Protein backbone atom coordinates (compact mmCIF):
# COMPACT_ATOMS: atom_id res chain seq x y z
CA MET A 1 -0.01 0.01 0.02
CA ARG A 2 1.52 3.30 -1.09
CA THR A 3 1.00 6.45 0.97
CA VAL A 4 -0.10 9.83 -0.36
CA LEU A 5 0.33 12.95 1.74
CA PHE A 6 -2.16 15.69 0.91
CA VAL A 7 -1.10 19.19 1.98
CA GLN A 8 -4.08 21.52 2.23
CA ILE A 9 -3.71 25.25 3.07
CA SER A 10 -7.41 26.03 3.68
CA SER A 11 -9.15 24.62 6.75
CA GLY A 12 -12.77 25.30 5.83
CA MET A 13 -15.07 23.02 3.88
CA GLY A 14 -15.02 24.76 0.52
CA GLY A 15 -14.94 23.07 -2.85
CA ALA A 16 -11.25 22.10 -2.63
CA SER A 17 -11.69 20.39 0.71
CA HIS A 18 -14.78 18.55 -0.43
CA SER A 19 -12.88 17.31 -3.48
CA LEU A 20 -9.95 16.23 -1.33
CA LEU A 21 -12.18 14.15 0.97
CA LEU A 22 -14.06 12.61 -1.93
CA LEU A 23 -10.74 11.47 -3.41
CA ALA A 24 -8.97 10.48 -0.21
CA SER A 25 -11.85 8.37 1.12
CA ARG A 26 -11.70 6.14 -2.04
CA LEU A 27 -7.96 5.82 -2.64
CA HIS A 28 -7.55 2.61 -0.62
CA ARG A 29 -9.46 0.75 -3.33
CA TYR A 30 -6.61 1.59 -5.68
CA GLY A 31 -3.70 0.72 -3.39
CA TYR A 32 -3.03 4.14 -1.91
CA ARG A 33 -3.31 5.21 1.77
CA PRO A 34 -4.16 8.90 2.28
CA ILE A 35 -2.98 11.15 5.10
CA ILE A 36 -3.54 14.92 5.32
CA ALA A 37 -1.39 17.79 6.65
CA GLY A 38 -3.53 20.86 7.06
CA GLN A 39 -4.41 23.83 9.25
CA GLN A 40 -4.70 23.65 13.04
CA ASP A 41 -8.41 24.53 13.07
CA ARG A 42 -10.06 21.60 14.83
CA GLU A 43 -13.26 22.05 12.89
CA GLY A 44 -13.72 21.86 9.13
CA LEU A 45 -11.36 19.60 7.26
CA TRP A 46 -9.69 18.12 10.33
CA HIS A 47 -13.08 17.13 11.77
CA GLU A 48 -14.28 15.66 8.48
CA ALA A 49 -11.04 13.71 8.06
CA ASP A 50 -11.46 12.20 11.52
CA LEU A 51 -15.00 11.12 10.69
CA ARG A 52 -13.60 9.17 7.70
CA GLY A 53 -10.71 7.63 9.59
CA ILE A 54 -8.07 9.59 7.67
CA ARG A 55 -5.00 10.55 9.69
CA TYR A 56 -4.62 14.32 9.97
CA TYR A 57 -1.52 16.27 10.98
CA PRO A 58 -2.19 19.88 12.07
CA LEU A 59 0.33 22.47 10.84
CA PHE A 60 0.78 26.21 10.61
CA LEU A 61 0.42 26.88 6.89
CA THR A 62 0.23 30.25 5.09
CA SER A 63 -0.16 31.12 1.43
CA TRP A 64 3.08 31.88 -0.39
CA ALA A 65 1.21 34.13 -2.76
CA ARG A 66 2.80 37.54 -3.07
CA SER A 67 1.05 40.09 -0.88
CA ASP A 68 1.41 43.83 -0.55
CA ASN A 69 2.91 43.52 2.91
CA THR A 70 6.54 42.40 2.71
CA ILE A 71 7.07 42.83 6.45
CA ALA A 72 4.14 40.52 7.25
CA ASP A 73 5.51 37.98 4.76
CA LEU A 74 8.93 38.08 6.47
CA ARG A 75 7.29 37.65 9.88
CA TYR A 76 5.82 34.34 8.74
CA LEU A 77 9.15 33.04 7.40
CA PRO A 78 10.25 31.14 10.56
CA ASN A 79 6.84 29.42 10.75
CA ARG A 80 7.03 28.56 7.08
CA LEU A 81 10.48 27.06 7.38
CA ASN A 82 9.33 25.05 10.43
CA SER A 83 6.30 23.80 8.44
CA ILE A 84 8.55 22.61 5.64
CA GLN A 85 10.59 20.71 8.15
CA ARG A 86 7.47 19.23 9.72
CA VAL A 87 6.05 18.14 6.34
CA ALA A 88 9.36 16.45 5.58
CA GLY A 89 9.20 14.77 8.98
CA ILE A 90 5.69 13.46 8.28
CA CYS A 91 6.87 12.08 4.94
CA ALA A 92 9.69 10.19 6.65
CA ARG A 93 7.53 8.96 9.55
CA GLU A 94 4.70 7.72 7.37
CA SER A 95 6.93 6.36 4.52
CA VAL A 96 5.15 8.71 2.07
CA THR A 97 5.36 7.71 -1.56
CA LEU A 98 3.97 10.90 -3.12
CA VAL A 99 3.03 14.46 -2.00
CA HIS A 100 -0.13 16.03 -3.38
CA THR A 101 -0.57 19.74 -2.75
CA ASN A 102 -4.31 20.37 -2.93
CA LEU A 103 -4.06 24.10 -3.78
CA PRO A 104 -1.31 26.32 -5.22
CA PHE A 105 0.77 28.58 -2.99
CA CYS A 106 1.34 25.97 -0.29
CA LEU A 107 5.05 25.67 -1.04
CA GLU A 108 5.70 23.50 2.02
CA GLY A 109 4.52 20.40 0.18
CA ALA A 110 6.53 21.11 -2.98
CA LEU A 111 9.75 21.92 -1.11
CA ALA A 112 9.50 18.97 1.29
CA ALA A 113 8.99 16.61 -1.66
CA LYS A 114 11.91 18.15 -3.50
CA LEU A 115 14.20 17.82 -0.47
CA LEU A 116 13.30 14.16 -0.06
CA GLY A 117 13.26 13.26 -3.72
CA LEU A 118 9.57 12.40 -3.68
CA PRO A 119 7.16 12.92 -6.56
CA HIS A 120 5.02 16.03 -6.16
CA VAL A 121 1.58 16.75 -7.64
CA MET A 122 0.08 20.27 -7.55
CA HIS A 123 -3.68 20.64 -7.92
CA VAL A 124 -4.91 23.86 -9.61
CA ARG A 125 -8.63 24.53 -9.23
CA ASP A 126 -8.96 28.20 -10.23
CA GLU A 127 -8.25 29.95 -13.51
CA PHE A 128 -5.58 32.60 -14.02
CA SER A 129 -7.74 35.68 -13.62
CA PRO A 130 -7.30 38.93 -11.74
CA LEU A 131 -10.79 38.28 -10.31
CA TYR A 132 -9.25 35.43 -8.32
CA ARG A 133 -7.35 37.94 -6.31
CA THR A 134 -6.85 35.61 -3.33
CA TYR A 135 -4.97 33.16 -5.54
CA TRP A 136 -3.70 34.97 -8.62
CA GLY A 137 -3.34 38.62 -7.66
CA GLY A 138 0.02 39.41 -9.17
CA THR A 139 1.24 35.85 -8.55
CA ARG A 140 0.93 34.06 -11.85
CA GLY A 141 4.69 33.73 -12.01
CA ALA A 142 4.73 32.17 -8.56
CA VAL A 143 2.25 29.49 -9.60
CA VAL A 144 4.24 28.72 -12.77
CA GLY A 145 7.39 28.60 -10.65
CA ILE A 146 5.85 26.08 -8.26
CA SER A 147 4.60 24.06 -11.24
CA ARG A 148 8.19 23.74 -12.43
CA MET A 149 9.03 22.10 -9.07
CA SER A 150 6.13 19.70 -9.53
CA ASP A 151 6.26 16.41 -11.42
CA ARG A 152 2.62 16.76 -12.41
CA VAL A 153 -0.01 19.47 -12.28
CA ILE A 154 -3.68 18.47 -12.08
CA ALA A 155 -5.93 21.13 -13.68
CA VAL A 156 -9.67 20.93 -13.24
CA SER A 157 -10.41 22.37 -16.71
CA ARG A 158 -8.90 22.73 -20.16
CA ASN A 159 -8.92 26.50 -19.71
CA ILE A 160 -6.45 26.22 -16.82
CA LYS A 161 -4.23 23.88 -18.80
CA HIS A 162 -4.13 26.38 -21.66
CA SER A 163 -2.75 28.95 -19.23
CA PHE A 164 0.13 26.60 -18.37
CA ASP A 165 0.63 25.86 -22.04
CA LYS A 166 1.28 29.52 -22.63
CA HIS A 167 4.06 29.44 -20.00
CA GLY A 168 5.73 26.37 -21.50
CA VAL A 169 4.86 23.88 -18.72
CA GLY A 170 1.73 22.33 -20.26
CA ASP A 171 3.48 19.02 -20.83
CA ARG A 172 3.26 18.14 -17.15
CA VAL A 173 -0.40 19.17 -16.79
CA ARG A 174 -3.19 16.61 -16.73
CA VAL A 175 -6.85 17.70 -16.91
CA VAL A 176 -9.03 15.97 -14.34
CA PRO A 177 -12.46 17.51 -13.78
CA ASN A 178 -13.88 17.69 -10.26
CA ALA A 179 -16.41 15.14 -9.22
CA VAL A 180 -19.73 15.45 -7.45
CA GLU A 181 -21.17 13.03 -4.96
CA VAL A 182 -24.97 13.10 -5.07
CA PRO A 183 -26.79 12.17 -1.84
CA PRO A 184 -30.03 10.21 -2.20
CA VAL A 185 -33.28 12.15 -1.99
CA PRO A 186 -34.52 11.71 1.60
CA ALA A 187 -37.71 9.82 2.12
CA GLY A 188 -40.65 12.22 2.23
CA TYR A 189 -38.66 15.09 0.76
CA ASP A 190 -41.06 17.98 -0.15
CA PRO A 191 -39.62 21.06 -1.84
CA ARG A 192 -42.55 23.12 -0.56
CA THR A 193 -41.62 22.26 3.03
CA VAL A 194 -38.00 23.23 2.35
CA ARG A 195 -39.02 26.54 0.86
CA GLN A 196 -41.27 27.34 3.79
CA SER A 197 -38.48 26.50 6.24
CA PHE A 198 -36.50 29.34 4.70
CA ARG A 199 -39.60 31.66 4.60
CA LEU A 200 -39.90 31.37 0.84
CA PRO A 201 -43.22 31.01 -1.05
CA PRO A 202 -44.04 27.29 -1.30
CA CYS A 203 -45.07 27.62 -4.94
CA GLY A 204 -44.15 29.73 -7.94
CA PRO A 205 -40.93 30.24 -9.89
CA LEU A 206 -37.77 30.15 -7.76
CA VAL A 207 -34.33 30.82 -9.22
CA GLY A 208 -31.19 30.00 -7.25
CA VAL A 209 -27.60 31.25 -7.17
CA PHE A 210 -25.28 29.26 -4.94
CA GLY A 211 -21.64 29.69 -3.85
CA SER A 212 -19.20 32.16 -2.45
CA VAL A 213 -20.49 35.71 -2.62
CA ALA A 214 -17.51 37.33 -4.42
CA ALA A 215 -16.97 39.65 -7.33
CA ARG A 216 -15.78 36.82 -9.57
CA LYS A 217 -19.07 34.99 -8.95
CA GLY A 218 -21.13 37.84 -10.44
CA GLN A 219 -24.08 37.89 -7.99
CA ILE A 220 -24.56 41.60 -8.68
CA ASP A 221 -25.22 40.80 -12.36
CA PHE A 222 -27.88 38.36 -11.29
CA VAL A 223 -29.57 40.94 -9.03
CA ARG A 224 -29.76 43.34 -11.97
CA ALA A 225 -31.11 40.56 -14.17
CA MET A 226 -33.86 39.88 -11.65
CA LYS A 227 -35.21 43.40 -12.20
CA ALA A 228 -35.86 42.50 -15.83
CA ILE A 229 -37.13 39.01 -15.00
CA LEU A 230 -39.71 40.40 -12.62
CA ALA A 231 -40.97 42.87 -15.22
CA THR A 232 -42.21 39.83 -17.18
CA ARG A 233 -42.71 37.29 -14.40
CA PRO A 234 -43.74 39.29 -11.32
CA SER A 235 -44.45 36.08 -9.31
CA ALA A 236 -40.77 34.99 -9.46
CA HIS A 237 -38.50 34.82 -6.44
CA ALA A 238 -34.75 34.26 -6.19
CA ILE A 239 -32.29 33.04 -3.58
CA ILE A 240 -28.61 33.90 -3.23
CA VAL A 241 -27.10 31.20 -1.02
CA GLY A 242 -23.71 32.07 0.48
CA ASP A 243 -22.30 34.37 3.19
CA ALA A 244 -22.70 37.95 1.97
CA VAL A 245 -20.68 39.54 4.76
CA ASP A 246 -17.69 41.23 3.14
CA SER A 247 -17.64 44.46 1.14
CA TYR A 248 -18.81 42.82 -2.07
CA GLY A 249 -21.62 41.04 -0.25
CA GLN A 250 -22.75 44.35 1.17
CA GLU A 251 -22.56 45.90 -2.30
CA VAL A 252 -24.84 43.15 -3.66
CA LYS A 253 -27.32 43.73 -0.87
CA LYS A 254 -27.23 47.46 -1.37
CA GLU A 255 -27.91 47.02 -5.11
CA THR A 256 -30.82 44.69 -4.25
CA ALA A 257 -32.34 47.33 -2.03
CA SER A 258 -31.76 50.17 -4.52
CA LEU A 259 -33.62 48.18 -7.20
CA ALA A 260 -36.52 47.58 -4.76
CA LEU A 261 -35.96 43.82 -4.90
CA SER A 262 -35.61 43.06 -1.20
CA GLU A 263 -38.96 41.26 -1.14
CA ARG A 264 -37.99 39.12 -4.12
CA VAL A 265 -34.31 38.38 -3.78
CA HIS A 266 -33.60 36.44 -0.61
CA PHE A 267 -30.17 36.10 0.96
CA ILE A 268 -29.53 32.76 2.73
CA PRO A 269 -26.26 32.07 4.62
CA HIS A 270 -23.88 29.32 3.54
CA GLN A 271 -25.36 25.89 3.87
CA ALA A 272 -23.22 22.93 4.86
CA ASN A 273 -25.75 20.75 3.03
CA VAL A 274 -26.98 22.67 -0.03
CA TRP A 275 -28.94 19.80 -1.59
CA PRO A 276 -32.39 20.43 0.00
CA LEU A 277 -32.39 23.99 -1.34
CA LEU A 278 -30.83 22.94 -4.66
CA ARG A 279 -33.66 20.50 -5.22
CA ALA A 280 -36.23 23.12 -4.25
CA VAL A 281 -35.39 25.66 -6.98
CA ASP A 282 -36.65 25.63 -10.56
CA ILE A 283 -33.51 27.02 -12.23
CA VAL A 284 -29.88 27.21 -11.19
CA VAL A 285 -28.01 30.33 -12.32
CA VAL A 286 -24.22 30.64 -12.35
CA PRO A 287 -23.45 34.26 -13.33
CA SER A 288 -19.67 33.99 -12.77
CA ARG A 289 -17.22 36.43 -14.34
CA ALA A 290 -14.39 33.92 -13.82
CA GLU A 291 -14.64 30.21 -12.96
CA GLY A 292 -12.00 27.55 -12.68
CA PHE A 293 -14.49 24.71 -12.85
CA GLY A 294 -18.07 25.34 -11.66
CA ARG A 295 -18.95 22.56 -9.20
CA ILE A 296 -22.43 24.02 -8.53
CA ILE A 297 -23.27 23.57 -12.22
CA VAL A 298 -22.65 19.87 -11.99
CA GLU A 299 -24.58 19.74 -8.70
CA GLY A 300 -27.47 21.60 -10.25
CA MET A 301 -27.45 19.21 -13.23
CA ALA A 302 -27.31 16.21 -10.91
CA ALA A 303 -30.37 17.56 -9.14
CA GLY A 304 -32.18 17.61 -12.51
CA LYS A 305 -32.35 21.39 -12.71
CA PRO A 306 -31.85 23.43 -15.89
CA VAL A 307 -28.76 25.58 -15.67
CA VAL A 308 -28.00 29.07 -17.00
CA ALA A 309 -24.33 29.91 -16.79
CA SER A 310 -21.74 32.39 -18.01
CA ALA A 311 -19.60 31.35 -20.93
CA VAL A 312 -16.29 31.68 -19.09
CA GLY A 313 -13.37 29.51 -17.91
CA GLY A 314 -14.05 25.93 -16.92
CA ILE A 315 -17.82 26.33 -17.38
CA LEU A 316 -17.20 25.85 -21.09
CA ASP A 317 -16.00 22.27 -20.35
CA ILE A 318 -19.32 21.46 -18.66
CA VAL A 319 -22.13 23.27 -20.40
CA GLN A 320 -22.90 22.72 -24.09
CA HIS A 321 -25.31 25.48 -25.09
CA GLU A 322 -28.80 24.25 -25.86
CA GLU A 323 -27.70 20.67 -25.14
CA ASN A 324 -27.40 20.42 -21.32
CA GLY A 325 -27.81 24.07 -20.34
CA LEU A 326 -27.81 27.64 -21.60
CA LEU A 327 -24.71 29.81 -21.90
CA VAL A 328 -24.74 33.59 -21.77
CA PRO A 329 -22.01 36.26 -21.97
CA SER A 330 -20.63 37.18 -18.58
CA ALA A 331 -21.45 40.51 -16.96
CA ARG A 332 -24.55 40.91 -19.17
CA PRO A 333 -27.65 41.06 -16.95
CA ASP A 334 -29.86 41.55 -19.99
CA GLU A 335 -28.75 38.30 -21.59
CA LEU A 336 -28.98 36.51 -18.26
CA ALA A 337 -32.54 37.66 -17.77
CA ARG A 338 -33.44 36.64 -21.32
CA ALA A 339 -32.19 33.08 -20.76
CA VAL A 340 -33.97 32.67 -17.42
CA LEU A 341 -37.21 33.97 -18.86
CA ARG A 342 -36.88 31.56 -21.77
CA LEU A 343 -36.78 28.62 -19.37
CA LEU A 344 -39.65 29.97 -17.31
CA LYS A 345 -41.78 30.27 -20.46
CA ASP A 346 -40.79 26.94 -22.06
CA ALA A 347 -41.38 24.10 -19.62
CA SER A 348 -40.45 21.47 -22.19
CA LEU A 349 -37.08 23.08 -22.82
CA ALA A 350 -36.42 23.38 -19.08
CA ARG A 351 -37.36 19.71 -18.59
CA ARG A 352 -35.16 18.54 -21.50
CA LEU A 353 -32.10 20.49 -20.33
CA GLY A 354 -32.64 19.22 -16.75
CA GLU A 355 -32.80 15.61 -17.92
CA ARG A 356 -29.80 15.88 -20.22
CA GLY A 357 -27.82 17.68 -17.51
CA ALA A 358 -28.56 14.89 -15.05
CA GLU A 359 -27.26 12.35 -17.55
CA CYS A 360 -24.15 14.44 -18.10
CA ALA A 361 -23.45 14.74 -14.37
CA ARG A 362 -23.88 11.01 -13.91
CA GLU A 363 -21.73 9.97 -16.85
CA ARG A 364 -18.90 12.49 -16.73
CA TYR A 365 -18.55 13.68 -13.14
CA GLY A 366 -19.11 10.63 -10.95
CA PRO A 367 -16.70 10.03 -8.03
CA GLU A 368 -15.17 6.79 -9.26
CA ALA A 369 -14.28 8.15 -12.69
CA HIS A 370 -12.60 11.10 -10.96
CA VAL A 371 -10.60 8.88 -8.61
CA ARG A 372 -9.44 6.65 -11.44
CA ARG A 373 -8.18 9.69 -13.40
CA VAL A 374 -6.17 10.97 -10.39
CA VAL A 375 -4.77 7.52 -9.66
CA ALA A 376 -3.63 7.31 -13.26
CA VAL A 377 -1.61 10.49 -12.64
CA TYR A 378 -0.09 8.94 -9.47
CA ASP A 379 0.73 5.75 -11.35
CA GLU A 380 2.65 7.74 -13.96
CA LEU A 381 5.03 8.83 -11.21
CA VAL A 382 5.40 5.79 -8.93
CA SER A 383 4.89 2.74 -11.14
CA GLY A 384 8.04 0.69 -11.38
């Protein structure tokens, strides 16, 4: 049994952490034992790893992305050097075969693997866009630099691979889309009851936007589109699911109020289990201005919902216009409104796109197919 050490810089249960757990919990079937080195936060990823019986090593990890505060970066240097030493120690103690850094900018995994002569895999889940300021703000060169230290780079979309191609390192990149694990519909599930539990009308058109409330996700474009949607379908309601607490979230709420939409656009905090709400909406909208993959698109498809999404980034790998969803130009509320209204008017089209999307999610984005693709990358590096 070979051992894979995952190094994960984020502690919360975002998309990257969900993907890590989905992969790690299935690796033993393919001859690999997973262990995780991550943040010291006892909740989130650490807790979920414990529930699955996956050994977890808490570390102090910080992003190596270039910031505007050089003094703060230098202050973290001793902790970073100690973390590299600790990752190397874990590799030795656990007889690690391969190191898999689950997000860029966690250089501890890459450097420890380099020092020990172990294969290193870097997972890139977001596209090279200024809108991904947390990841890419002025740091594209750093990502490419870390990729040169990696034996393989896993990109979740062809769009991300193309970015590496432009920098001459595309030969080591393998495209492996994210997977989605679909929970069974609970016995007695009733979408009307779910809607009422969130103080939403039990009946009538309901459009949903799910995910981080951030500029790159384009929620403000959706709010503006709702103004036009309501002019034609005044009975429609919408939900924006995600924590709208930072400056952009407040901007979206302010725009909602200024357009007199506060009674129609409902803000719901982040949900650990989004499936009850996802199954309760009529249409899933993904108005992103930049998107590395678009997990919520696959989840919406898996729930049998028609999807309207921006034609950007990794979304183009998932949605084929008129085949399994509708694509619209990004940052165009008018086009977004037109597509949503089209689905609200044409029930047969909405049903057909929902059914075809469910087939697509099942055939292309199932967990086992994803794990086999990642294992194939591992096997390239460790076989023989």
